[in-house]
Amino acid sequence: MKPVIYCGNSAKEINSFETKAKQRVLRLFDMLRIGLELHPNDFKYMGVVGEGVYELRIRTVKQHRVFYVAKFDKAIYVLHAFIKKTQTTSQHDIEIGKQRYKAVVNYSRGAKK
């Protein structure tokens, strides 16, 4: 089972989600950790953030989003978590995801040496 590694303040952000959304995020990550596939409504590919990056989509009264990448052998990396306030994902949130993805890729390359 792959561990889940939280980048930046993503764990804190998920922890600030309402209870129902937080529980759903943790269940979805448990499913990913053991290799189960998610329902197509639960995620969306976010290639704009990085290769292999997906967005968990949890809908309650609010629109909760979590960027993650699971393509690496060592872990599932949670790049960013936020509450979406508009129809489109803000450029600010995309940039945070991109920066953290780049850091994970660099870390992953260094770990292989």
PDB file of N, CA and C in Angstrom:
ATOM      1  N   MET A   1       0.832  -1.180   0.000  1.00  0.00           N
ATOM      2  CA  MET A   1       0.000   0.000   0.000  1.00  0.00           C
ATOM      3  C   MET A   1       0.883   1.252   0.000  1.00  0.00           C
ATOM      4  N   LYS A   2       0.612   2.167  -0.905  1.00  0.00           N
ATOM      5  CA  LYS A   2       1.377   3.410  -0.979  1.00  0.00           C
ATOM      6  C   LYS A   2       0.986   4.345   0.163  1.00  0.00           C
ATOM      7  N   PRO A   3       1.973   5.012   0.741  1.00  0.00           N
ATOM      8  CA  PRO A   3       1.627   6.048   1.719  1.00  0.00           C
ATOM      9  C   PRO A   3       1.119   7.292   0.999  1.00  0.00           C
ATOM     10  N   VAL A   4       0.409   8.132   1.719  1.00  0.00           N
ATOM     11  CA  VAL A   4      -0.042   9.417   1.209  1.00  0.00           C
ATOM     12  C   VAL A   4       0.842  10.481   1.842  1.00  0.00           C
ATOM     13  N   ILE A   5       1.477  11.291   0.994  1.00  0.00           N
ATOM     14  CA  ILE A   5       2.353  12.363   1.474  1.00  0.00           C
ATOM     15  C   ILE A   5       1.711  13.695   1.109  1.00  0.00           C
ATOM     16  N   TYR A   6       1.544  14.540   2.114  1.00  0.00           N
ATOM     17  CA  TYR A   6       0.905  15.842   1.932  1.00  0.00           C
ATOM     18  C   TYR A   6       1.966  16.914   1.723  1.00  0.00           C
ATOM     19  N   CYS A   7       1.853  17.656   0.643  1.00  0.00           N
ATOM     20  CA  CYS A   7       2.800  18.718   0.310  1.00  0.00           C
ATOM     21  C   CYS A   7       2.275  20.065   0.821  1.00  0.00           C
ATOM     22  N   GLY A   8       3.215  20.915   1.240  1.00  0.00           N
ATOM     23  CA  GLY A   8       2.832  22.243   1.700  1.00  0.00           C
ATOM     24  C   GLY A   8       1.821  22.168   2.821  1.00  0.00           C
ATOM     25  N   ASN A   9       0.774  22.964   2.717  1.00  0.00           N
ATOM     26  CA  ASN A   9      -0.255  23.006   3.753  1.00  0.00           C
ATOM     27  C   ASN A   9      -1.495  22.196   3.366  1.00  0.00           C
ATOM     28  N   SER A  10      -1.357  21.234   2.435  1.00  0.00           N
ATOM     29  CA  SER A  10      -2.530  20.500   1.953  1.00  0.00           C
ATOM     30  C   SER A  10      -3.234  19.712   3.054  1.00  0.00           C
ATOM     31  N   ALA A  11      -2.490  19.137   3.997  1.00  0.00           N
ATOM     32  CA  ALA A  11      -3.132  18.405   5.102  1.00  0.00           C
ATOM     33  C   ALA A  11      -3.969  19.360   5.963  1.00  0.00           C
ATOM     34  N   LYS A  12      -3.423  20.532   6.225  1.00  0.00           N
ATOM     35  CA  LYS A  12      -4.141  21.536   7.019  1.00  0.00           C
ATOM     36  C   LYS A  12      -5.409  21.984   6.291  1.00  0.00           C
ATOM     37  N   GLU A  13      -5.300  22.174   4.986  1.00  0.00           N
ATOM     38  CA  GLU A  13      -6.462  22.598   4.203  1.00  0.00           C
ATOM     39  C   GLU A  13      -7.555  21.524   4.215  1.00  0.00           C
ATOM     40  N   ILE A  14      -7.165  20.263   4.020  1.00  0.00           N
ATOM     41  CA  ILE A  14      -8.148  19.177   4.058  1.00  0.00           C
ATOM     42  C   ILE A  14      -8.780  19.099   5.440  1.00  0.00           C
ATOM     43  N   ASN A  15      -7.977  19.272   6.460  1.00  0.00           N
ATOM     44  CA  ASN A  15      -8.488  19.228   7.829  1.00  0.00           C
ATOM     45  C   ASN A  15      -9.506  20.341   8.093  1.00  0.00           C
ATOM     46  N   SER A  16      -9.414  21.442   7.329  1.00  0.00           N
ATOM     47  CA  SER A  16     -10.359  22.547   7.512  1.00  0.00           C
ATOM     48  C   SER A  16     -11.677  22.325   6.750  1.00  0.00           C
ATOM     49  N   PHE A  17     -11.724  21.312   5.883  1.00  0.00           N
ATOM     50  CA  PHE A  17     -12.963  20.989   5.168  1.00  0.00           C
ATOM     51  C   PHE A  17     -14.027  20.560   6.174  1.00  0.00           C
ATOM     52  N   GLU A  18     -15.279  20.740   5.809  1.00  0.00           N
ATOM     53  CA  GLU A  18     -16.348  20.244   6.664  1.00  0.00           C
ATOM     54  C   GLU A  18     -16.205  18.726   6.814  1.00  0.00           C
ATOM     55  N   THR A  19     -16.715  18.175   7.884  1.00  0.00           N
ATOM     56  CA  THR A  19     -16.508  16.768   8.245  1.00  0.00           C
ATOM     57  C   THR A  19     -16.852  15.809   7.110  1.00  0.00           C
ATOM     58  N   LYS A  20     -17.998  15.982   6.490  1.00  0.00           N
ATOM     59  CA  LYS A  20     -18.423  15.081   5.419  1.00  0.00           C
ATOM     60  C   LYS A  20     -17.421  15.079   4.259  1.00  0.00           C
ATOM     61  N   ALA A  21     -16.947  16.246   3.868  1.00  0.00           N
ATOM     62  CA  ALA A  21     -15.981  16.353   2.765  1.00  0.00           C
ATOM     63  C   ALA A  21     -14.640  15.748   3.161  1.00  0.00           C
ATOM     64  N   LYS A  22     -14.203  16.018   4.382  1.00  0.00           N
ATOM     65  CA  LYS A  22     -12.932  15.480   4.865  1.00  0.00           C
ATOM     66  C   LYS A  22     -12.970  13.948   4.880  1.00  0.00           C
ATOM     67  N   GLN A  23     -14.056  13.386   5.364  1.00  0.00           N
ATOM     68  CA  GLN A  23     -14.200  11.922   5.401  1.00  0.00           C
ATOM     69  C   GLN A  23     -14.178  11.335   3.992  1.00  0.00           C
ATOM     70  N   ARG A  24     -14.833  12.004   3.058  1.00  0.00           N
ATOM     71  CA  ARG A  24     -14.866  11.523   1.666  1.00  0.00           C
ATOM     72  C   ARG A  24     -13.461  11.550   1.048  1.00  0.00           C
ATOM     73  N   VAL A  25     -12.713  12.603   1.283  1.00  0.00           N
ATOM     74  CA  VAL A  25     -11.341  12.696   0.775  1.00  0.00           C
ATOM     75  C   VAL A  25     -10.513  11.530   1.310  1.00  0.00           C
ATOM     76  N   LEU A  26     -10.595  11.277   2.592  1.00  0.00           N
ATOM     77  CA  LEU A  26      -9.799  10.200   3.197  1.00  0.00           C
ATOM     78  C   LEU A  26     -10.214   8.836   2.666  1.00  0.00           C
ATOM     79  N   ARG A  27     -11.509   8.617   2.457  1.00  0.00           N
ATOM     80  CA  ARG A  27     -11.971   7.347   1.863  1.00  0.00           C
ATOM     81  C   ARG A  27     -11.453   7.176   0.444  1.00  0.00           C
ATOM     82  N   LEU A  28     -11.491   8.246  -0.341  1.00  0.00           N
ATOM     83  CA  LEU A  28     -10.995   8.165  -1.715  1.00  0.00           C
ATOM     84  C   LEU A  28      -9.496   7.866  -1.741  1.00  0.00           C
ATOM     85  N   PHE A  29      -8.740   8.476  -0.853  1.00  0.00           N
ATOM     86  CA  PHE A  29      -7.307   8.178  -0.796  1.00  0.00           C
ATOM     87  C   PHE A  29      -7.054   6.747  -0.337  1.00  0.00           C
ATOM     88  N   ASP A  30      -7.872   6.238   0.575  1.00  0.00           N
ATOM     89  CA  ASP A  30      -7.739   4.830   0.974  1.00  0.00           C
ATOM     90  C   ASP A  30      -7.980   3.910  -0.222  1.00  0.00           C
ATOM     91  N   MET A  31      -8.966   4.242  -1.047  1.00  0.00           N
ATOM     92  CA  MET A  31      -9.239   3.444  -2.240  1.00  0.00           C
ATOM     93  C   MET A  31      -8.043   3.472  -3.187  1.00  0.00           C
ATOM     94  N   LEU A  32      -7.474   4.656  -3.397  1.00  0.00           N
ATOM     95  CA  LEU A  32      -6.305   4.770  -4.271  1.00  0.00           C
ATOM     96  C   LEU A  32      -5.116   3.994  -3.719  1.00  0.00           C
ATOM     97  N   ARG A  33      -4.925   4.056  -2.416  1.00  0.00           N
ATOM     98  CA  ARG A  33      -3.782   3.380  -1.789  1.00  0.00           C
ATOM     99  C   ARG A  33      -3.802   1.883  -2.021  1.00  0.00           C
ATOM    100  N   ILE A  34      -4.988   1.287  -2.058  1.00  0.00           N
ATOM    101  CA  ILE A  34      -5.052  -0.168  -2.239  1.00  0.00           C
ATOM    102  C   ILE A  34      -5.273  -0.555  -3.701  1.00  0.00           C
ATOM    103  N   GLY A  35      -5.253   0.454  -4.580  1.00  0.00           N
ATOM    104  CA  GLY A  35      -5.307   0.155  -6.004  1.00  0.00           C
ATOM    105  C   GLY A  35      -6.690   0.092  -6.624  1.00  0.00           C
ATOM    106  N   LEU A  36      -7.715   0.524  -5.899  1.00  0.00           N
ATOM    107  CA  LEU A  36      -9.059   0.544  -6.467  1.00  0.00           C
ATOM    108  C   LEU A  36      -9.224   1.765  -7.372  1.00  0.00           C
ATOM    109  N   GLU A  37     -10.081   1.643  -8.356  1.00  0.00           N
ATOM    110  CA  GLU A  37     -10.360   2.771  -9.240  1.00  0.00           C
ATOM    111  C   GLU A  37     -11.486   3.610  -8.668  1.00  0.00           C
ATOM    112  N   LEU A  38     -11.392   4.899  -8.906  1.00  0.00           N
ATOM    113  CA  LEU A  38     -12.420   5.818  -8.434  1.00  0.00           C
ATOM    114  C   LEU A  38     -13.521   5.946  -9.473  1.00  0.00           C
ATOM    115  N   HIS A  39     -14.685   6.324  -9.018  1.00  0.00           N
ATOM    116  CA  HIS A  39     -15.809   6.601  -9.913  1.00  0.00           C
ATOM    117  C   HIS A  39     -15.463   7.854 -10.732  1.00  0.00           C
ATOM    118  N   PRO A  40     -15.767   7.880 -12.025  1.00  0.00           N
ATOM    119  CA  PRO A  40     -15.413   9.033 -12.867  1.00  0.00           C
ATOM    120  C   PRO A  40     -15.923  10.381 -12.361  1.00  0.00           C
ATOM    121  N   ASN A  41     -17.009  10.398 -11.603  1.00  0.00           N
ATOM    122  CA  ASN A  41     -17.504  11.670 -11.063  1.00  0.00           C
ATOM    123  C   ASN A  41     -16.661  12.198  -9.908  1.00  0.00           C
ATOM    124  N   ASP A  42     -15.782  11.338  -9.355  1.00  0.00           N
ATOM    125  CA  ASP A  42     -14.989  11.725  -8.193  1.00  0.00           C
ATOM    126  C   ASP A  42     -13.691  12.425  -8.541  1.00  0.00           C
ATOM    127  N   PHE A  43     -13.287  12.388  -9.815  1.00  0.00           N
ATOM    128  CA  PHE A  43     -11.998  12.980 -10.157  1.00  0.00           C
ATOM    129  C   PHE A  43     -12.000  13.527 -11.577  1.00  0.00           C
ATOM    130  N   LYS A  44     -10.981  14.338 -11.864  1.00  0.00           N
ATOM    131  CA  LYS A  44     -10.810  14.923 -13.189  1.00  0.00           C
ATOM    132  C   LYS A  44      -9.308  15.045 -13.435  1.00  0.00           C
ATOM    133  N   TYR A  45      -8.885  14.719 -14.663  1.00  0.00           N
ATOM    134  CA  TYR A  45      -7.470  14.863 -15.016  1.00  0.00           C
ATOM    135  C   TYR A  45      -7.119  16.339 -15.084  1.00  0.00           C
ATOM    136  N   MET A  46      -5.981  16.703 -14.500  1.00  0.00           N
ATOM    137  CA  MET A  46      -5.540  18.101 -14.477  1.00  0.00           C
ATOM    138  C   MET A  46      -4.136  18.226 -15.072  1.00  0.00           C
ATOM    139  N   GLY A  47      -4.021  17.873 -16.345  1.00  0.00           N
ATOM    140  CA  GLY A  47      -2.736  17.951 -17.038  1.00  0.00           C
ATOM    141  C   GLY A  47      -2.134  19.337 -17.037  1.00  0.00           C
ATOM    142  N   VAL A  48      -2.961  20.371 -16.884  1.00  0.00           N
ATOM    143  CA  VAL A  48      -2.460  21.734 -16.821  1.00  0.00           C
ATOM    144  C   VAL A  48      -1.564  21.928 -15.591  1.00  0.00           C
ATOM    145  N   VAL A  49      -1.778  21.137 -14.553  1.00  0.00           N
ATOM    146  CA  VAL A  49      -0.954  21.217 -13.339  1.00  0.00           C
ATOM    147  C   VAL A  49       0.325  20.409 -13.518  1.00  0.00           C
ATOM    148  N   GLY A  50       0.200  19.220 -14.114  1.00  0.00           N
ATOM    149  CA  GLY A  50       1.369  18.365 -14.333  1.00  0.00           C
ATOM    150  C   GLY A  50       0.949  17.009 -14.862  1.00  0.00           C
ATOM    151  N   GLU A  51       1.879  16.306 -15.446  1.00  0.00           N
ATOM    152  CA  GLU A  51       1.593  14.984 -16.004  1.00  0.00           C
ATOM    153  C   GLU A  51       1.212  14.010 -14.893  1.00  0.00           C
ATOM    154  N   GLY A  52       0.038  13.417 -15.015  1.00  0.00           N
ATOM    155  CA  GLY A  52      -0.429  12.451 -14.024  1.00  0.00           C
ATOM    156  C   GLY A  52      -1.150  13.057 -12.842  1.00  0.00           C
ATOM    157  N   VAL A  53      -1.424  14.367 -12.886  1.00  0.00           N
ATOM    158  CA  VAL A  53      -2.107  15.032 -11.771  1.00  0.00           C
ATOM    159  C   VAL A  53      -3.618  14.955 -11.989  1.00  0.00           C
ATOM    160  N   TYR A  54      -4.318  14.617 -10.903  1.00  0.00           N
ATOM    161  CA  TYR A  54      -5.771  14.549 -10.905  1.00  0.00           C
ATOM    162  C   TYR A  54      -6.324  15.448  -9.818  1.00  0.00           C
ATOM    163  N   GLU A  55      -7.593  15.781  -9.971  1.00  0.00           N
ATOM    164  CA  GLU A  55      -8.289  16.607  -9.002  1.00  0.00           C
ATOM    165  C   GLU A  55      -9.435  15.791  -8.420  1.00  0.00           C
ATOM    166  N   LEU A  56      -9.403  15.563  -7.108  1.00  0.00           N
ATOM    167  CA  LEU A  56     -10.572  14.977  -6.448  1.00  0.00           C
ATOM    168  C   LEU A  56     -11.640  16.053  -6.383  1.00  0.00           C
ATOM    169  N   ARG A  57     -12.881  15.628  -6.609  1.00  0.00           N
ATOM    170  CA  ARG A  57     -13.996  16.565  -6.631  1.00  0.00           C
ATOM    171  C   ARG A  57     -15.039  16.117  -5.615  1.00  0.00           C
ATOM    172  N   ILE A  58     -15.115  16.836  -4.520  1.00  0.00           N
ATOM    173  CA  ILE A  58     -16.062  16.503  -3.458  1.00  0.00           C
ATOM    174  C   ILE A  58     -17.084  17.638  -3.374  1.00  0.00           C
ATOM    175  N   ARG A  59     -18.328  17.279  -3.570  1.00  0.00           N
ATOM    176  CA  ARG A  59     -19.395  18.276  -3.572  1.00  0.00           C
ATOM    177  C   ARG A  59     -20.260  18.111  -2.324  1.00  0.00           C
ATOM    178  N   THR A  60     -20.316  19.153  -1.563  1.00  0.00           N
ATOM    179  CA  THR A  60     -21.268  19.241  -0.456  1.00  0.00           C
ATOM    180  C   THR A  60     -21.975  20.569  -0.699  1.00  0.00           C
ATOM    181  N   VAL A  61     -22.168  21.349   0.314  1.00  0.00           N
ATOM    182  CA  VAL A  61     -22.684  22.701   0.110  1.00  0.00           C
ATOM    183  C   VAL A  61     -21.643  23.507  -0.664  1.00  0.00           C
ATOM    184  N   LYS A  62     -20.367  23.153  -0.457  1.00  0.00           N
ATOM    185  CA  LYS A  62     -19.241  23.802  -1.131  1.00  0.00           C
ATOM    186  C   LYS A  62     -18.612  22.821  -2.115  1.00  0.00           C
ATOM    187  N   GLN A  63     -17.742  23.348  -2.952  1.00  0.00           N
ATOM    188  CA  GLN A  63     -17.011  22.540  -3.938  1.00  0.00           C
ATOM    189  C   GLN A  63     -15.573  22.362  -3.444  1.00  0.00           C
ATOM    190  N   HIS A  64     -15.264  21.208  -2.865  1.00  0.00           N
ATOM    191  CA  HIS A  64     -13.937  20.923  -2.337  1.00  0.00           C
ATOM    192  C   HIS A  64     -13.098  20.273  -3.432  1.00  0.00           C
ATOM    193  N   ARG A  65     -11.843  20.686  -3.535  1.00  0.00           N
ATOM    194  CA  ARG A  65     -10.952  20.145  -4.550  1.00  0.00           C
ATOM    195  C   ARG A  65      -9.607  19.788  -3.932  1.00  0.00           C
ATOM    196  N   VAL A  66      -9.029  18.689  -4.445  1.00  0.00           N
ATOM    197  CA  VAL A  66      -7.720  18.240  -3.980  1.00  0.00           C
ATOM    198  C   VAL A  66      -6.930  17.768  -5.195  1.00  0.00           C
ATOM    199  N   PHE A  67      -5.774  18.403  -5.461  1.00  0.00           N
ATOM    200  CA  PHE A  67      -4.881  17.950  -6.523  1.00  0.00           C
ATOM    201  C   PHE A  67      -3.975  16.871  -5.945  1.00  0.00           C
ATOM    202  N   TYR A  68      -3.813  15.779  -6.687  1.00  0.00           N
ATOM    203  CA  TYR A  68      -2.912  14.710  -6.248  1.00  0.00           C
ATOM    204  C   TYR A  68      -2.273  14.049  -7.453  1.00  0.00           C
ATOM    205  N   VAL A  69      -1.170  13.362  -7.196  1.00  0.00           N
ATOM    206  CA  VAL A  69      -0.495  12.579  -8.235  1.00  0.00           C
ATOM    207  C   VAL A  69      -0.146  11.223  -7.628  1.00  0.00           C
ATOM    208  N   ALA A  70      -0.522  10.158  -8.339  1.00  0.00           N
ATOM    209  CA  ALA A  70      -0.311   8.797  -7.823  1.00  0.00           C
ATOM    210  C   ALA A  70       0.584   7.974  -8.732  1.00  0.00           C
ATOM    211  N   LYS A  71       1.198   8.589  -9.742  1.00  0.00           N
ATOM    212  CA  LYS A  71       1.966   7.841 -10.737  1.00  0.00           C
ATOM    213  C   LYS A  71       3.336   7.394 -10.232  1.00  0.00           C
ATOM    214  N   PHE A  72       3.798   7.943  -9.152  1.00  0.00           N
ATOM    215  CA  PHE A  72       5.115   7.583  -8.628  1.00  0.00           C
ATOM    216  C   PHE A  72       5.023   6.315  -7.786  1.00  0.00           C
ATOM    217  N   ASP A  73       6.074   5.515  -7.824  1.00  0.00           N
ATOM    218  CA  ASP A  73       6.082   4.230  -7.129  1.00  0.00           C
ATOM    219  C   ASP A  73       6.028   4.362  -5.609  1.00  0.00           C
ATOM    220  N   LYS A  74       6.666   5.378  -5.075  1.00  0.00           N
ATOM    221  CA  LYS A  74       6.855   5.469  -3.628  1.00  0.00           C
ATOM    222  C   LYS A  74       5.637   5.945  -2.840  1.00  0.00           C
ATOM    223  N   ALA A  75       4.798   6.799  -3.455  1.00  0.00           N
ATOM    224  CA  ALA A  75       3.711   7.399  -2.667  1.00  0.00           C
ATOM    225  C   ALA A  75       2.674   8.060  -3.565  1.00  0.00           C
ATOM    226  N   ILE A  76       1.561   8.405  -2.942  1.00  0.00           N
ATOM    227  CA  ILE A  76       0.572   9.300  -3.527  1.00  0.00           C
ATOM    228  C   ILE A  76       0.860  10.665  -2.904  1.00  0.00           C
ATOM    229  N   TYR A  77       1.065  11.659  -3.744  1.00  0.00           N
ATOM    230  CA  TYR A  77       1.395  12.998  -3.258  1.00  0.00           C
ATOM    231  C   TYR A  77       0.174  13.906  -3.384  1.00  0.00           C
ATOM    232  N   VAL A  78      -0.220  14.496  -2.279  1.00  0.00           N
ATOM    233  CA  VAL A  78      -1.309  15.459  -2.264  1.00  0.00           C
ATOM    234  C   VAL A  78      -0.666  16.831  -2.439  1.00  0.00           C
ATOM    235  N   LEU A  79      -0.946  17.447  -3.582  1.00  0.00           N
ATOM    236  CA  LEU A  79      -0.271  18.688  -3.932  1.00  0.00           C
ATOM    237  C   LEU A  79      -0.941  19.929  -3.361  1.00  0.00           C
ATOM    238  N   HIS A  80      -2.271  19.944  -3.379  1.00  0.00           N
ATOM    239  CA  HIS A  80      -2.978  21.162  -2.981  1.00  0.00           C
ATOM    240  C   HIS A  80      -4.438  20.821  -2.688  1.00  0.00           C
ATOM    241  N   ALA A  81      -5.021  21.507  -1.728  1.00  0.00           N
ATOM    242  CA  ALA A  81      -6.437  21.334  -1.382  1.00  0.00           C
ATOM    243  C   ALA A  81      -7.042  22.718  -1.183  1.00  0.00           C
ATOM    244  N   PHE A  82      -8.269  22.877  -1.666  1.00  0.00           N
ATOM    245  CA  PHE A  82      -8.901  24.189  -1.588  1.00  0.00           C
ATOM    246  C   PHE A  82     -10.407  24.050  -1.803  1.00  0.00           C
ATOM    247  N   ILE A  83     -11.117  25.123  -1.519  1.00  0.00           N
ATOM    248  CA  ILE A  83     -12.548  25.194  -1.799  1.00  0.00           C
ATOM    249  C   ILE A  83     -12.711  26.072  -3.033  1.00  0.00           C
ATOM    250  N   LYS A  84     -13.326  25.507  -4.039  1.00  0.00           N
ATOM    251  CA  LYS A  84     -13.509  26.198  -5.318  1.00  0.00           C
ATOM    252  C   LYS A  84     -14.703  27.137  -5.199  1.00  0.00           C
ATOM    253  N   LYS A  85     -14.494  28.395  -5.588  1.00  0.00           N
ATOM    254  CA  LYS A  85     -15.538  29.397  -5.409  1.00  0.00           C
ATOM    255  C   LYS A  85     -16.158  29.870  -6.717  1.00  0.00           C
ATOM    256  N   THR A  86     -15.552  29.491  -7.839  1.00  0.00           N
ATOM    257  CA  THR A  86     -16.076  29.894  -9.140  1.00  0.00           C
ATOM    258  C   THR A  86     -16.174  28.669 -10.048  1.00  0.00           C
ATOM    259  N   GLN A  87     -16.735  28.844 -11.225  1.00  0.00           N
ATOM    260  CA  GLN A  87     -16.895  27.746 -12.172  1.00  0.00           C
ATOM    261  C   GLN A  87     -15.546  27.176 -12.619  1.00  0.00           C
ATOM    262  N   THR A  88     -14.569  28.045 -12.824  1.00  0.00           N
ATOM    263  CA  THR A  88     -13.248  27.587 -13.267  1.00  0.00           C
ATOM    264  C   THR A  88     -12.279  27.592 -12.093  1.00  0.00           C
ATOM    265  N   THR A  89     -11.276  26.731 -12.197  1.00  0.00           N
ATOM    266  CA  THR A  89     -10.247  26.679 -11.160  1.00  0.00           C
ATOM    267  C   THR A  89      -9.365  27.916 -11.291  1.00  0.00           C
ATOM    268  N   SER A  90      -9.112  28.582 -10.191  1.00  0.00           N
ATOM    269  CA  SER A  90      -8.340  29.832 -10.242  1.00  0.00           C
ATOM    270  C   SER A  90      -6.896  29.560 -10.670  1.00  0.00           C
ATOM    271  N   GLN A  91      -6.324  30.532 -11.337  1.00  0.00           N
ATOM    272  CA  GLN A  91      -4.927  30.428 -11.763  1.00  0.00           C
ATOM    273  C   GLN A  91      -4.013  30.301 -10.546  1.00  0.00           C
ATOM    274  N   HIS A  92      -4.380  30.945  -9.459  1.00  0.00           N
ATOM    275  CA  HIS A  92      -3.596  30.861  -8.223  1.00  0.00           C
ATOM    276  C   HIS A  92      -3.505  29.411  -7.734  1.00  0.00           C
ATOM    277  N   ASP A  93      -4.637  28.718  -7.716  1.00  0.00           N
ATOM    278  CA  ASP A  93      -4.641  27.320  -7.267  1.00  0.00           C
ATOM    279  C   ASP A  93      -3.861  26.435  -8.237  1.00  0.00           C
ATOM    280  N   ILE A  94      -3.990  26.685  -9.524  1.00  0.00           N
ATOM    281  CA  ILE A  94      -3.230  25.921 -10.516  1.00  0.00           C
ATOM    282  C   ILE A  94      -1.730  26.133 -10.324  1.00  0.00           C
ATOM    283  N   GLU A  95      -1.323  27.373 -10.087  1.00  0.00           N
ATOM    284  CA  GLU A  95       0.107  27.673  -9.891  1.00  0.00           C
ATOM    285  C   GLU A  95       0.662  26.984  -8.639  1.00  0.00           C
ATOM    286  N   ILE A  96      -0.104  26.955  -7.566  1.00  0.00           N
ATOM    287  CA  ILE A  96       0.337  26.247  -6.356  1.00  0.00           C
ATOM    288  C   ILE A  96       0.536  24.774  -6.684  1.00  0.00           C
ATOM    289  N   GLY A  97      -0.428  24.181  -7.381  1.00  0.00           N
ATOM    290  CA  GLY A  97      -0.298  22.782  -7.790  1.00  0.00           C
ATOM    291  C   GLY A  97       0.918  22.547  -8.649  1.00  0.00           C
ATOM    292  N   LYS A  98       1.174  23.428  -9.618  1.00  0.00           N
ATOM    293  CA  LYS A  98       2.335  23.298 -10.509  1.00  0.00           C
ATOM    294  C   LYS A  98       3.650  23.354  -9.725  1.00  0.00           C
ATOM    295  N   GLN A  99       3.761  24.298  -8.815  1.00  0.00           N
ATOM    296  CA  GLN A  99       4.988  24.446  -8.024  1.00  0.00           C
ATOM    297  C   GLN A  99       5.250  23.191  -7.192  1.00  0.00           C
ATOM    298  N   ARG A 100       4.225  22.686  -6.568  1.00  0.00           N
ATOM    299  CA  ARG A 100       4.397  21.505  -5.721  1.00  0.00           C
ATOM    300  C   ARG A 100       4.639  20.254  -6.561  1.00  0.00           C
ATOM    301  N   TYR A 101       4.020  20.181  -7.731  1.00  0.00           N
ATOM    302  CA  TYR A 101       4.281  19.057  -8.637  1.00  0.00           C
ATOM    303  C   TYR A 101       5.747  19.062  -9.056  1.00  0.00           C
ATOM    304  N   LYS A 102       6.245  20.230  -9.401  1.00  0.00           N
ATOM    305  CA  LYS A 102       7.649  20.360  -9.816  1.00  0.00           C
ATOM    306  C   LYS A 102       8.578  19.906  -8.682  1.00  0.00           C
ATOM    307  N   ALA A 103       8.260  20.272  -7.454  1.00  0.00           N
ATOM    308  CA  ALA A 103       9.061  19.859  -6.301  1.00  0.00           C
ATOM    309  C   ALA A 103       9.027  18.345  -6.120  1.00  0.00           C
ATOM    310  N   VAL A 104       7.866  17.728  -6.307  1.00  0.00           N
ATOM    311  CA  VAL A 104       7.741  16.276  -6.176  1.00  0.00           C
ATOM    312  C   VAL A 104       8.551  15.573  -7.263  1.00  0.00           C
ATOM    313  N   VAL A 105       8.473  16.080  -8.495  1.00  0.00           N
ATOM    314  CA  VAL A 105       9.244  15.486  -9.593  1.00  0.00           C
ATOM    315  C   VAL A 105      10.737  15.574  -9.299  1.00  0.00           C
ATOM    316  N   ASN A 106      11.197  16.732  -8.852  1.00  0.00           N
ATOM    317  CA  ASN A 106      12.615  16.908  -8.521  1.00  0.00           C
ATOM    318  C   ASN A 106      13.026  15.975  -7.392  1.00  0.00           C
ATOM    319  N   TYR A 107      12.178  15.857  -6.382  1.00  0.00           N
ATOM    320  CA  TYR A 107      12.454  14.965  -5.263  1.00  0.00           C
ATOM    321  C   TYR A 107      12.516  13.516  -5.748  1.00  0.00           C
ATOM    322  N   SER A 108      11.575  13.141  -6.582  1.00  0.00           N
ATOM    323  CA  SER A 108      11.503  11.772  -7.098  1.00  0.00           C
ATOM    324  C   SER A 108      12.737  11.429  -7.919  1.00  0.00           C
ATOM    325  N   ARG A 109      13.200  12.363  -8.723  1.00  0.00           N
ATOM    326  CA  ARG A 109      14.423  12.148  -9.521  1.00  0.00           C
ATOM    327  C   ARG A 109      15.637  11.966  -8.619  1.00  0.00           C
ATOM    328  N   GLY A 110      15.716  12.785  -7.578  1.00  0.00           N
ATOM    329  CA  GLY A 110      16.837  12.697  -6.647  1.00  0.00           C
ATOM    330  C   GLY A 110      16.824  11.400  -5.856  1.00  0.00           C
ATOM    331  N   ALA A 111      15.644  10.888  -5.557  1.00  0.00           N
ATOM    332  CA  ALA A 111      15.518   9.654  -4.779  1.00  0.00           C
ATOM    333  C   ALA A 111      15.948   8.436  -5.586  1.00  0.00           C
ATOM    334  N   LYS A 112      15.885   8.539  -6.915  1.00  0.00           N
ATOM    335  CA  LYS A 112      16.263   7.403  -7.763  1.00  0.00           C
ATOM    336  C   LYS A 112      17.766   7.261  -7.892  1.00  0.00           C
ATOM    337  N   LYS A 113      18.502   8.323  -7.606  1.00  0.00           N
ATOM    338  CA  LYS A 113      19.974   8.293  -7.769  1.00  0.00           C
ATOM    339  C   LYS A 113      20.638   7.505  -6.668  1.00  0.00           C
TER     340      LYS A 113
END
